């Protein structure tokens, strides 16, 4: 097994725990973007909406959609309780990024978050 596949397996287990924790905290969860092709990462980077070295391309990042009842949460601070929990588990939360991305949860690899 490669270091990348080991990290992907770890991320998958962490993601499952994150979804359980979100439910425990009263959030509804639906999936946003998980895998992103390198071409899509380049396109988004050129548009100023991402980075070329996105961990989505390595299957080490996911954007989750969180809900409170029927309301989709769109503000970074609304995700903070889960972001703090995710960081305590060893993950990187997009709410800390220079351009905040509150619904982004990733696991560092190769120097990238």
N, C-alpha and C. Protein backbone atom coordinates (compact mmCIF):
# COMPACT_ATOMS: atom_id res chain seq x y z
N UNK A 1 0.82 -1.19 0.00
CA UNK A 1 0.00 0.00 0.00
C UNK A 1 0.87 1.25 0.00
N UNK A 2 0.39 2.26 -0.69
CA UNK A 2 1.13 3.52 -0.74
C UNK A 2 0.74 4.41 0.44
N UNK A 3 1.57 5.40 0.66
CA UNK A 3 1.25 6.37 1.71
C UNK A 3 -0.06 7.09 1.39
N UNK A 4 -0.31 7.37 0.09
CA UNK A 4 -1.55 8.03 -0.28
C UNK A 4 -2.76 7.15 0.03
N UNK A 5 -2.70 5.89 -0.34
CA UNK A 5 -3.87 5.02 -0.08
C UNK A 5 -4.09 4.84 1.42
N UNK A 6 -3.01 4.81 2.19
CA UNK A 6 -3.16 4.74 3.65
C UNK A 6 -3.87 5.99 4.18
N UNK A 7 -3.49 7.15 3.66
CA UNK A 7 -4.11 8.40 4.09
C UNK A 7 -5.57 8.46 3.64
N UNK A 8 -5.87 7.95 2.44
CA UNK A 8 -7.25 7.93 1.95
C UNK A 8 -8.13 7.05 2.84
N UNK A 9 -7.62 5.92 3.26
CA UNK A 9 -8.40 5.05 4.15
C UNK A 9 -8.63 5.72 5.50
N UNK A 10 -7.61 6.36 6.02
CA UNK A 10 -7.75 7.09 7.28
C UNK A 10 -8.80 8.19 7.14
N UNK A 11 -8.73 8.95 6.03
CA UNK A 11 -9.69 10.03 5.79
C UNK A 11 -11.11 9.49 5.73
N UNK A 12 -11.31 8.37 5.07
CA UNK A 12 -12.66 7.79 4.96
C UNK A 12 -13.24 7.46 6.33
N UNK A 13 -12.43 6.88 7.19
CA UNK A 13 -12.90 6.57 8.54
C UNK A 13 -13.17 7.85 9.34
N UNK A 14 -12.29 8.83 9.18
CA UNK A 14 -12.51 10.11 9.87
C UNK A 14 -13.78 10.79 9.38
N UNK A 15 -14.04 10.71 8.08
CA UNK A 15 -15.24 11.31 7.51
C UNK A 15 -16.50 10.65 8.06
N UNK A 16 -16.47 9.34 8.19
CA UNK A 16 -17.62 8.64 8.77
C UNK A 16 -17.86 9.14 10.20
N UNK A 17 -16.79 9.28 10.97
CA UNK A 17 -16.93 9.79 12.34
C UNK A 17 -17.44 11.23 12.35
N UNK A 18 -17.01 12.04 11.39
CA UNK A 18 -17.48 13.43 11.30
C UNK A 18 -18.98 13.48 11.05
N UNK A 19 -19.47 12.63 10.19
CA UNK A 19 -20.90 12.60 9.89
C UNK A 19 -21.70 12.17 11.13
N UNK A 20 -21.18 11.20 11.86
CA UNK A 20 -21.85 10.78 13.10
C UNK A 20 -21.83 11.92 14.11
N UNK A 21 -20.70 12.62 14.22
CA UNK A 21 -20.60 13.76 15.15
C UNK A 21 -21.55 14.88 14.74
N UNK A 22 -21.65 15.14 13.45
CA UNK A 22 -22.57 16.17 12.97
C UNK A 22 -24.00 15.83 13.38
N UNK A 23 -24.39 14.59 13.22
CA UNK A 23 -25.73 14.16 13.62
C UNK A 23 -25.91 14.33 15.12
N UNK A 24 -24.90 13.96 15.89
CA UNK A 24 -24.96 14.10 17.35
C UNK A 24 -25.15 15.56 17.75
N UNK A 25 -24.53 16.47 16.99
CA UNK A 25 -24.65 17.90 17.28
C UNK A 25 -25.93 18.52 16.69
N UNK A 26 -26.75 17.71 16.05
CA UNK A 26 -28.02 18.20 15.55
C UNK A 26 -28.00 18.74 14.12
N UNK A 27 -26.92 18.51 13.40
CA UNK A 27 -26.85 18.92 12.00
C UNK A 27 -27.42 17.82 11.11
N UNK A 28 -28.07 18.21 10.04
CA UNK A 28 -28.37 17.29 8.95
C UNK A 28 -27.21 17.38 7.98
N UNK A 29 -26.84 16.29 7.34
CA UNK A 29 -25.68 16.29 6.45
C UNK A 29 -26.06 15.72 5.09
N UNK A 30 -25.67 16.44 4.05
CA UNK A 30 -25.71 15.89 2.70
C UNK A 30 -24.34 16.13 2.08
N UNK A 31 -24.04 15.36 1.06
CA UNK A 31 -22.73 15.45 0.42
C UNK A 31 -22.68 16.60 -0.56
N UNK A 32 -21.59 17.30 -0.53
CA UNK A 32 -21.26 18.28 -1.55
C UNK A 32 -20.24 17.63 -2.48
N UNK A 33 -19.16 18.32 -2.75
CA UNK A 33 -18.15 17.78 -3.65
C UNK A 33 -17.11 16.98 -2.87
N UNK A 34 -16.81 15.80 -3.39
CA UNK A 34 -15.74 14.99 -2.81
C UNK A 34 -14.60 14.95 -3.84
N UNK A 35 -14.67 14.06 -4.82
CA UNK A 35 -13.60 13.98 -5.82
C UNK A 35 -13.69 15.15 -6.80
N UNK A 36 -12.53 15.67 -7.15
CA UNK A 36 -12.42 16.74 -8.15
C UNK A 36 -11.30 16.35 -9.11
N UNK A 37 -11.59 16.37 -10.38
CA UNK A 37 -10.56 16.03 -11.37
C UNK A 37 -9.48 17.11 -11.39
N UNK A 38 -8.27 16.76 -11.80
CA UNK A 38 -7.22 17.78 -11.91
C UNK A 38 -7.61 18.91 -12.87
N UNK A 39 -8.34 18.59 -13.91
CA UNK A 39 -8.79 19.62 -14.86
C UNK A 39 -9.75 20.61 -14.18
N UNK A 40 -10.67 20.07 -13.39
CA UNK A 40 -11.61 20.93 -12.67
C UNK A 40 -10.88 21.78 -11.63
N UNK A 41 -9.88 21.19 -10.96
CA UNK A 41 -9.09 21.95 -9.98
C UNK A 41 -8.38 23.12 -10.66
N UNK A 42 -7.82 22.89 -11.84
CA UNK A 42 -7.16 23.97 -12.58
C UNK A 42 -8.16 25.05 -12.98
N UNK A 43 -9.32 24.62 -13.47
CA UNK A 43 -10.34 25.57 -13.88
C UNK A 43 -10.78 26.45 -12.70
N UNK A 44 -11.03 25.82 -11.56
CA UNK A 44 -11.44 26.58 -10.38
C UNK A 44 -10.33 27.51 -9.89
N UNK A 45 -9.09 27.04 -9.96
CA UNK A 45 -7.96 27.88 -9.54
C UNK A 45 -7.85 29.11 -10.43
N UNK A 46 -8.01 28.93 -11.72
CA UNK A 46 -7.95 30.07 -12.65
C UNK A 46 -9.07 31.07 -12.38
N UNK A 47 -10.21 30.56 -11.89
CA UNK A 47 -11.35 31.43 -11.58
C UNK A 47 -11.24 32.02 -10.17
N UNK A 48 -10.17 31.68 -9.44
CA UNK A 48 -9.98 32.19 -8.09
C UNK A 48 -10.85 31.51 -7.06
N UNK A 49 -11.29 30.28 -7.35
CA UNK A 49 -12.20 29.57 -6.45
C UNK A 49 -11.63 28.25 -5.95
N UNK A 50 -10.32 28.11 -5.97
CA UNK A 50 -9.70 26.88 -5.51
C UNK A 50 -8.21 26.92 -5.78
N UNK A 51 -7.57 25.77 -5.57
CA UNK A 51 -6.14 25.66 -5.83
C UNK A 51 -5.89 24.47 -6.74
N UNK A 52 -4.83 24.55 -7.51
CA UNK A 52 -4.48 23.47 -8.44
C UNK A 52 -4.18 22.19 -7.68
N UNK A 53 -3.49 22.30 -6.55
CA UNK A 53 -3.10 21.12 -5.76
C UNK A 53 -4.19 20.71 -4.77
N UNK A 54 -5.43 20.78 -5.17
CA UNK A 54 -6.56 20.47 -4.29
C UNK A 54 -6.49 19.03 -3.79
N UNK A 55 -6.72 18.87 -2.50
CA UNK A 55 -6.78 17.52 -1.93
C UNK A 55 -8.02 16.76 -2.39
N UNK A 56 -8.99 17.46 -2.97
CA UNK A 56 -10.12 16.76 -3.58
C UNK A 56 -9.62 15.83 -4.68
N UNK A 57 -8.57 16.24 -5.39
CA UNK A 57 -8.01 15.41 -6.48
C UNK A 57 -7.38 14.13 -5.95
N UNK A 58 -6.98 14.13 -4.70
CA UNK A 58 -6.36 12.96 -4.07
C UNK A 58 -7.35 12.19 -3.20
N UNK A 59 -8.60 12.56 -3.26
CA UNK A 59 -9.65 11.93 -2.45
C UNK A 59 -9.39 12.08 -0.95
N UNK A 60 -8.88 13.27 -0.59
CA UNK A 60 -8.58 13.57 0.81
C UNK A 60 -9.31 14.83 1.29
N UNK A 61 -10.36 15.21 0.60
CA UNK A 61 -11.14 16.39 0.99
C UNK A 61 -12.59 16.19 0.56
N UNK A 62 -13.47 16.82 1.32
CA UNK A 62 -14.89 16.80 0.99
C UNK A 62 -15.51 18.12 1.41
N UNK A 63 -16.46 18.56 0.63
CA UNK A 63 -17.29 19.70 1.00
C UNK A 63 -18.65 19.12 1.41
N UNK A 64 -19.04 19.35 2.65
CA UNK A 64 -20.31 18.84 3.15
C UNK A 64 -21.34 19.96 3.19
N UNK A 65 -22.57 19.60 3.00
CA UNK A 65 -23.68 20.55 3.14
C UNK A 65 -24.36 20.23 4.47
N UNK A 66 -24.38 21.20 5.35
CA UNK A 66 -24.99 21.03 6.67
C UNK A 66 -26.30 21.79 6.71
N UNK A 67 -27.22 21.20 7.41
CA UNK A 67 -28.58 21.74 7.51
C UNK A 67 -28.99 21.85 8.97
N UNK A 68 -29.81 22.83 9.25
CA UNK A 68 -30.55 22.93 10.51
C UNK A 68 -32.01 22.94 10.08
N UNK A 69 -32.68 21.83 10.28
CA UNK A 69 -34.05 21.71 9.78
C UNK A 69 -34.03 21.78 8.27
N UNK A 70 -34.79 22.70 7.71
CA UNK A 70 -34.86 22.86 6.25
C UNK A 70 -33.91 23.94 5.72
N UNK A 71 -33.07 24.50 6.59
CA UNK A 71 -32.19 25.60 6.19
C UNK A 71 -30.76 25.12 5.96
N UNK A 72 -30.29 25.33 4.73
CA UNK A 72 -28.90 25.03 4.40
C UNK A 72 -28.01 26.08 5.05
N UNK A 73 -26.99 25.62 5.76
CA UNK A 73 -26.06 26.54 6.42
C UNK A 73 -25.02 27.01 5.41
N UNK A 74 -24.85 28.31 5.30
CA UNK A 74 -23.94 28.86 4.30
C UNK A 74 -22.81 29.70 4.88
N UNK A 75 -22.88 30.02 6.15
CA UNK A 75 -21.86 30.85 6.77
C UNK A 75 -20.80 29.98 7.45
N UNK A 76 -19.54 30.34 7.26
CA UNK A 76 -18.44 29.58 7.85
C UNK A 76 -18.63 29.38 9.34
N UNK A 77 -19.04 30.44 10.05
CA UNK A 77 -19.17 30.31 11.51
C UNK A 77 -20.22 29.29 11.93
N UNK A 78 -21.18 29.01 11.06
CA UNK A 78 -22.19 28.00 11.38
C UNK A 78 -21.58 26.59 11.40
N UNK A 79 -20.46 26.41 10.72
CA UNK A 79 -19.77 25.12 10.66
C UNK A 79 -18.71 24.97 11.75
N UNK A 80 -18.44 26.05 12.45
CA UNK A 80 -17.32 26.06 13.38
C UNK A 80 -17.34 24.94 14.42
N UNK A 81 -18.47 24.60 15.06
CA UNK A 81 -18.42 23.50 16.03
C UNK A 81 -17.89 22.20 15.42
N UNK A 82 -18.27 21.94 14.19
CA UNK A 82 -17.76 20.73 13.53
C UNK A 82 -16.32 20.91 13.08
N UNK A 83 -15.97 22.12 12.65
CA UNK A 83 -14.59 22.39 12.26
C UNK A 83 -13.63 22.19 13.41
N UNK A 84 -14.01 22.68 14.57
CA UNK A 84 -13.18 22.52 15.77
C UNK A 84 -13.06 21.04 16.11
N UNK A 85 -14.17 20.32 16.06
CA UNK A 85 -14.14 18.88 16.34
C UNK A 85 -13.22 18.17 15.34
N UNK A 86 -13.37 18.50 14.04
CA UNK A 86 -12.56 17.87 12.99
C UNK A 86 -11.07 18.11 13.23
N UNK A 87 -10.73 19.34 13.58
CA UNK A 87 -9.32 19.65 13.87
C UNK A 87 -8.81 18.84 15.07
N UNK A 88 -9.67 18.62 16.05
CA UNK A 88 -9.25 17.84 17.23
C UNK A 88 -8.97 16.38 16.87
N UNK A 89 -9.49 15.96 15.71
CA UNK A 89 -9.27 14.59 15.23
C UNK A 89 -8.05 14.49 14.30
N UNK A 90 -7.43 15.63 14.02
CA UNK A 90 -6.25 15.64 13.16
C UNK A 90 -6.49 16.13 11.74
N UNK A 91 -7.69 16.58 11.44
CA UNK A 91 -8.01 17.07 10.10
C UNK A 91 -7.78 18.57 9.97
N UNK A 92 -7.88 19.04 8.75
CA UNK A 92 -7.80 20.48 8.46
C UNK A 92 -9.19 20.96 8.07
N UNK A 93 -9.58 22.08 8.66
CA UNK A 93 -10.91 22.64 8.39
C UNK A 93 -10.76 23.91 7.55
N UNK A 94 -11.55 24.00 6.49
CA UNK A 94 -11.49 25.14 5.59
C UNK A 94 -11.87 26.47 6.20
N UNK A 95 -12.50 26.46 7.34
CA UNK A 95 -12.84 27.70 8.01
C UNK A 95 -11.62 28.48 8.47
N UNK A 96 -10.47 27.83 8.49
CA UNK A 96 -9.22 28.49 8.89
C UNK A 96 -8.42 28.98 7.68
N UNK A 97 -8.86 28.66 6.48
CA UNK A 97 -8.12 29.03 5.28
C UNK A 97 -8.16 30.54 5.07
N UNK A 98 -7.18 31.05 4.34
CA UNK A 98 -7.10 32.48 4.01
C UNK A 98 -8.42 32.96 3.42
N UNK A 99 -8.96 32.19 2.49
CA UNK A 99 -10.30 32.44 1.95
C UNK A 99 -11.19 31.37 2.58
N UNK A 100 -11.84 31.73 3.68
CA UNK A 100 -12.60 30.76 4.48
C UNK A 100 -13.54 29.92 3.61
N UNK A 101 -13.55 28.63 3.91
CA UNK A 101 -14.35 27.64 3.18
C UNK A 101 -14.93 26.70 4.25
N UNK A 102 -15.94 27.19 4.97
CA UNK A 102 -16.43 26.51 6.16
C UNK A 102 -16.92 25.10 5.98
N UNK A 103 -17.38 24.74 4.79
CA UNK A 103 -17.91 23.39 4.61
C UNK A 103 -16.86 22.41 4.09
N UNK A 104 -15.59 22.82 4.09
CA UNK A 104 -14.49 21.99 3.58
C UNK A 104 -13.78 21.29 4.74
N UNK A 105 -13.62 19.98 4.59
CA UNK A 105 -12.93 19.15 5.58
C UNK A 105 -11.91 18.30 4.82
N UNK A 106 -10.66 18.33 5.28
CA UNK A 106 -9.62 17.60 4.56
C UNK A 106 -8.62 16.99 5.52
N UNK A 107 -7.74 16.19 4.93
CA UNK A 107 -6.65 15.56 5.68
C UNK A 107 -5.36 15.86 4.93
N UNK A 108 -4.43 16.50 5.59
CA UNK A 108 -3.19 16.94 4.96
C UNK A 108 -2.42 15.78 4.34
N UNK A 109 -1.76 16.10 3.23
CA UNK A 109 -0.91 15.12 2.54
C UNK A 109 0.03 15.88 1.62
N UNK A 110 1.29 15.49 1.64
CA UNK A 110 2.26 16.09 0.74
C UNK A 110 2.43 17.59 0.93
N UNK A 111 2.23 18.08 2.15
CA UNK A 111 2.39 19.49 2.44
C UNK A 111 1.18 20.35 2.14
N UNK A 112 0.08 19.73 1.71
CA UNK A 112 -1.13 20.48 1.40
C UNK A 112 -2.23 20.15 2.40
N UNK A 113 -3.12 21.15 2.62
CA UNK A 113 -4.27 20.96 3.51
C UNK A 113 -5.49 20.97 2.66
